[in-house]
Amino acid sequence: MSIKIEIFSDFACPFCYIGKKRLEQAIEELGFEQEVDIEYKTYLLDPEASKEETKPFYEAMMEKYESSREDVQLMASSIQQRANEVGLTYDFEKMQIGNTENAHRLAKWARQFNKEAALIDAVMDRYFTKGLNVNDSEALLAIVEALHLPIEEAKAVLESEQYAEDIAKDRYDIQQLNVTSVPFFVFENKYGIIGAEPIEVFTKTLKQAQEVAAQKLNIAGGTDVCGPDGCKL
């Protein structure tokens, strides 16, 4: 038995990293490490963002919200307080806003090596704490190399449109749920959490999802069927 969890997120979303950490802490607190099956889903906050250039965080937020630097700094301070709660320290001075599609496609590719979660965590860490430029293929490939993944295959992914259909499918899935913000967590296709909620919300939802996952399928009948060994009346 495993608890299916889908996580819709974007690398450019500071609350997505916080929410991911809170989910992980809840899983550890409950001892559910071997009971969860996590699938990461792509949500591009700005699909039209440049794939060549990036903007400093403060500049990008001032433009987006038509705010002063002081107002954006206050917002950043509030985000940092929440990040501190899960042991994260963001460096907003280094942070660069760009198109995150390539990083998402690499994450999809890494799934076949069971390294999707590790790659996502590495990208988020470097993006929020070390100023990773998500438009810099060499910087992304350095993460690939650190995870001991095949560099040439990763280059081929970055130089093509591989896994773009997977990203489109994720976009379709979240649209069907009428959700327009992330992070968004789906548990056993039954329970959902929007935002980097307190750990208590995650533990409660995990327990509920465990009960759903443990339910047996009640099957009636058993005659007038055919199988590999033949048919029975």
Protein backbone atom coordinates (compact mmCIF):
# COMPACT_ATOMS: atom_id res chain seq x y z
CA MET A 1 0.00 0.00 0.00
CA SER A 2 1.25 3.48 -0.81
CA ILE A 3 -0.23 6.95 -0.51
CA LYS A 4 -0.28 8.73 -3.85
CA ILE A 5 0.69 12.38 -3.63
CA GLU A 6 0.84 14.78 -6.57
CA ILE A 7 2.68 18.08 -6.13
CA PHE A 8 2.03 20.93 -8.56
CA SER A 9 4.77 23.55 -8.23
CA ASP A 10 7.19 25.88 -9.99
CA PHE A 11 10.83 26.61 -9.28
CA ALA A 12 10.07 30.34 -9.30
CA CYS A 13 7.55 29.97 -6.45
CA PRO A 14 9.16 30.61 -3.03
CA PHE A 15 6.20 29.05 -1.23
CA CYS A 16 6.57 25.84 -3.27
CA TYR A 17 9.93 25.08 -1.68
CA ILE A 18 8.53 25.86 1.76
CA GLY A 19 5.47 23.69 1.14
CA LYS A 20 7.64 20.85 -0.13
CA LYS A 21 9.72 20.97 3.05
CA ARG A 22 6.61 21.01 5.24
CA LEU A 23 5.23 17.96 3.46
CA GLU A 24 8.57 16.18 3.92
CA GLN A 25 8.61 17.07 7.62
CA ALA A 26 5.07 15.76 8.03
CA ILE A 27 5.98 12.50 6.29
CA GLU A 28 9.01 12.10 8.55
CA GLU A 29 7.02 12.96 11.68
CA LEU A 30 4.49 10.22 10.87
CA GLY A 31 7.12 7.72 9.77
CA PHE A 32 5.50 7.47 6.34
CA GLU A 33 8.76 7.55 4.33
CA GLN A 34 8.07 4.09 2.87
CA GLU A 35 4.34 4.68 2.45
CA VAL A 36 4.23 7.58 0.01
CA ASP A 37 4.49 7.70 -3.77
CA ILE A 38 5.15 11.29 -4.83
CA GLU A 39 4.63 12.54 -8.38
CA TYR A 40 5.86 16.00 -9.26
CA LYS A 41 3.72 18.07 -11.62
CA THR A 42 4.76 21.18 -13.52
CA TYR A 43 3.06 24.53 -13.09
CA LEU A 44 4.68 27.40 -14.99
CA LEU A 45 3.93 30.65 -13.20
CA ASP A 46 5.05 32.62 -16.25
CA PRO A 47 5.20 30.50 -19.43
CA GLU A 48 6.05 33.63 -21.41
CA ALA A 49 9.13 34.51 -19.37
CA SER A 50 12.31 34.89 -21.37
CA LYS A 51 14.43 31.79 -21.95
CA GLU A 52 17.49 33.94 -22.63
CA GLU A 53 17.42 36.68 -20.01
CA THR A 54 16.68 36.87 -16.31
CA LYS A 55 15.70 39.72 -14.02
CA PRO A 56 16.79 40.33 -10.43
CA PHE A 57 14.04 39.33 -8.01
CA TYR A 58 13.41 42.80 -6.64
CA GLU A 59 13.26 44.38 -10.08
CA ALA A 60 10.91 41.71 -11.41
CA MET A 61 8.55 42.01 -8.42
CA MET A 62 8.53 45.80 -8.59
CA GLU A 63 7.42 45.57 -12.21
CA LYS A 64 4.90 42.79 -11.62
CA TYR A 65 3.14 44.44 -8.69
CA GLU A 66 3.92 48.05 -9.64
CA SER A 67 5.38 48.47 -6.17
CA SER A 68 8.31 50.25 -4.61
CA ARG A 69 11.48 48.42 -3.63
CA GLU A 70 10.58 48.99 0.01
CA ASP A 71 7.22 47.22 -0.44
CA VAL A 72 8.87 44.29 -2.22
CA GLN A 73 11.49 44.05 0.51
CA LEU A 74 8.72 43.84 3.10
CA MET A 75 7.11 41.03 1.09
CA ALA A 76 10.47 39.25 0.87
CA SER A 77 10.96 39.62 4.62
CA SER A 78 7.59 38.01 5.25
CA ILE A 79 8.45 35.11 2.92
CA GLN A 80 11.80 34.68 4.66
CA GLN A 81 10.09 34.38 8.04
CA ARG A 82 8.05 31.46 6.70
CA ALA A 83 11.14 29.93 5.09
CA ASN A 84 12.98 30.12 8.41
CA GLU A 85 10.32 27.89 9.96
CA VAL A 86 11.45 24.99 7.76
CA GLY A 87 15.16 25.73 7.95
CA LEU A 88 15.53 27.61 4.66
CA THR A 89 17.42 30.86 4.07
CA TYR A 90 16.54 32.64 0.83
CA ASP A 91 18.92 35.12 -0.80
CA PHE A 92 16.63 37.58 -2.57
CA GLU A 93 19.58 39.76 -3.60
CA LYS A 94 20.98 36.92 -5.73
CA MET A 95 17.66 35.49 -6.93
CA GLN A 96 17.04 35.72 -10.69
CA ILE A 97 13.63 35.36 -12.31
CA GLY A 98 13.54 33.51 -15.63
CA ASN A 99 11.73 30.82 -17.61
CA THR A 100 11.69 27.57 -15.65
CA GLU A 101 10.57 25.18 -18.40
CA ASN A 102 14.02 23.68 -19.05
CA ALA A 103 14.47 22.81 -15.39
CA HIS A 104 11.03 21.18 -15.36
CA ARG A 105 11.83 19.14 -18.48
CA LEU A 106 15.07 17.96 -16.88
CA ALA A 107 13.13 16.89 -13.80
CA LYS A 108 10.77 14.82 -15.97
CA TRP A 109 13.78 13.23 -17.64
CA ALA A 110 15.43 12.44 -14.27
CA ARG A 111 12.38 10.45 -13.17
CA GLN A 112 13.55 7.39 -15.13
CA PHE A 113 16.69 7.31 -12.95
CA ASN A 114 14.72 7.80 -9.71
CA LYS A 115 16.46 11.16 -9.33
CA GLU A 116 13.53 13.50 -10.02
CA ALA A 117 13.08 14.49 -6.37
CA ALA A 118 16.82 15.00 -5.89
CA LEU A 119 17.09 17.18 -8.99
CA ILE A 120 14.08 19.28 -8.00
CA ASP A 121 15.48 19.81 -4.51
CA ALA A 122 18.91 20.75 -5.91
CA VAL A 123 17.44 23.25 -8.38
CA MET A 124 15.24 24.83 -5.71
CA ASP A 125 18.15 25.09 -3.28
CA ARG A 126 20.44 26.75 -5.82
CA TYR A 127 17.66 28.95 -7.19
CA PHE A 128 16.54 30.38 -3.85
CA THR A 129 19.83 30.40 -1.95
CA LYS A 130 22.62 30.71 -4.53
CA GLY A 131 21.14 32.72 -7.41
CA LEU A 132 20.86 29.90 -9.95
CA ASN A 133 20.13 31.19 -13.45
CA VAL A 134 17.50 28.74 -14.75
CA ASN A 135 18.24 29.88 -18.30
CA ASP A 136 21.87 28.79 -17.97
CA SER A 137 22.18 25.29 -19.43
CA GLU A 138 25.67 24.87 -18.00
CA ALA A 139 24.40 25.62 -14.50
CA LEU A 140 21.62 23.06 -14.90
CA LEU A 141 24.05 20.50 -16.27
CA ALA A 142 26.30 21.04 -13.24
CA ILE A 143 23.38 19.83 -11.11
CA VAL A 144 22.93 16.85 -13.42
CA GLU A 145 26.61 15.99 -13.06
CA ALA A 146 26.49 16.34 -9.27
CA LEU A 147 23.68 13.78 -9.24
CA HIS A 148 25.76 11.40 -11.39
CA LEU A 149 23.26 11.46 -14.25
CA PRO A 150 24.27 11.07 -17.93
CA ILE A 151 25.36 14.51 -19.12
CA GLU A 152 24.97 13.87 -22.85
CA GLU A 153 21.39 12.72 -22.41
CA ALA A 154 20.63 15.81 -20.35
CA LYS A 155 22.16 18.05 -23.03
CA ALA A 156 19.91 16.40 -25.61
CA VAL A 157 16.88 17.19 -23.46
CA LEU A 158 17.88 20.84 -23.09
CA GLU A 159 18.53 21.20 -26.81
CA SER A 160 15.16 19.78 -27.80
CA GLU A 161 11.50 19.92 -26.82
CA GLN A 162 11.55 16.56 -25.03
CA TYR A 163 8.99 16.27 -22.22
CA ALA A 164 7.12 19.37 -23.37
CA GLU A 165 4.03 17.17 -23.80
CA ASP A 166 4.34 16.03 -20.19
CA ILE A 167 4.35 19.64 -19.07
CA ALA A 168 1.29 20.36 -21.23
CA LYS A 169 -0.49 17.38 -19.64
CA ASP A 170 0.28 18.68 -16.15
CA ARG A 171 -1.15 22.05 -17.16
CA TYR A 172 -4.30 20.33 -18.40
CA ASP A 173 -4.61 18.31 -15.18
CA ILE A 174 -4.51 21.34 -12.91
CA GLN A 175 -6.93 23.22 -15.16
CA GLN A 176 -9.42 20.39 -14.71
CA LEU A 177 -9.16 20.94 -10.96
CA ASN A 178 -9.86 24.68 -11.39
CA VAL A 179 -6.71 25.51 -9.44
CA THR A 180 -4.74 28.61 -10.41
CA SER A 181 -2.08 28.86 -7.71
CA VAL A 182 0.71 26.74 -6.30
CA PRO A 183 1.95 24.87 -4.40
CA PHE A 184 -0.97 22.49 -4.74
CA PHE A 185 -0.90 19.01 -3.23
CA VAL A 186 -3.30 16.20 -4.14
CA PHE A 187 -3.56 13.15 -1.89
CA GLU A 188 -5.09 9.93 -3.23
CA ASN A 189 -7.13 11.98 -5.75
CA LYS A 190 -9.39 12.88 -2.82
CA TYR A 191 -7.80 15.54 -0.63
CA GLY A 192 -6.07 18.75 -1.67
CA ILE A 193 -3.94 21.39 0.02
CA ILE A 194 -3.25 24.78 -1.55
CA GLY A 195 -0.28 26.72 -0.22
CA ALA A 196 2.54 26.15 2.24
CA GLU A 197 0.17 25.32 5.06
CA PRO A 198 1.28 24.52 8.64
CA ILE A 199 2.71 21.05 9.17
CA GLU A 200 -0.40 20.06 11.16
CA VAL A 201 -2.49 20.39 8.00
CA PHE A 202 -0.14 18.05 6.15
CA THR A 203 -0.07 15.44 8.92
CA LYS A 204 -3.86 15.43 9.20
CA THR A 205 -4.29 15.08 5.44
CA LEU A 206 -1.67 12.33 5.26
CA LYS A 207 -3.54 10.33 7.89
CA GLN A 208 -6.80 10.77 5.99
CA ALA A 209 -5.13 9.73 2.74
CA GLN A 210 -3.66 6.66 4.45
CA GLU A 211 -7.16 5.54 5.41
CA VAL A 212 -8.33 5.94 1.82
CA ALA A 213 -5.32 4.05 0.46
CA ALA A 214 -5.91 1.21 2.93
CA GLN A 215 -9.52 0.65 1.95
CA LYS A 216 -10.11 -2.64 0.18
CA LEU A 217 -12.04 -2.85 -3.06
CA ASN A 218 -15.27 -4.71 -2.38
CA ILE A 219 -15.98 -7.05 -5.29
CA ALA A 220 -19.30 -8.81 -5.80
CA GLY A 221 -19.94 -11.79 -8.05
CA GLY A 222 -17.38 -14.24 -9.36
CA THR A 223 -19.25 -16.37 -11.87
CA ASP A 224 -19.97 -15.99 -15.59
CA VAL A 225 -16.41 -14.75 -16.19
CA CYS A 226 -13.40 -15.74 -18.27
CA GLY A 227 -9.75 -15.56 -17.37
CA PRO A 228 -6.36 -17.00 -18.36
CA ASP A 229 -7.45 -20.43 -17.07
CA GLY A 230 -10.73 -20.46 -18.97
CA CYS A 231 -14.34 -19.58 -18.27
CA LYS A 232 -16.58 -20.51 -15.40
CA LEU A 233 -20.32 -20.39 -14.90
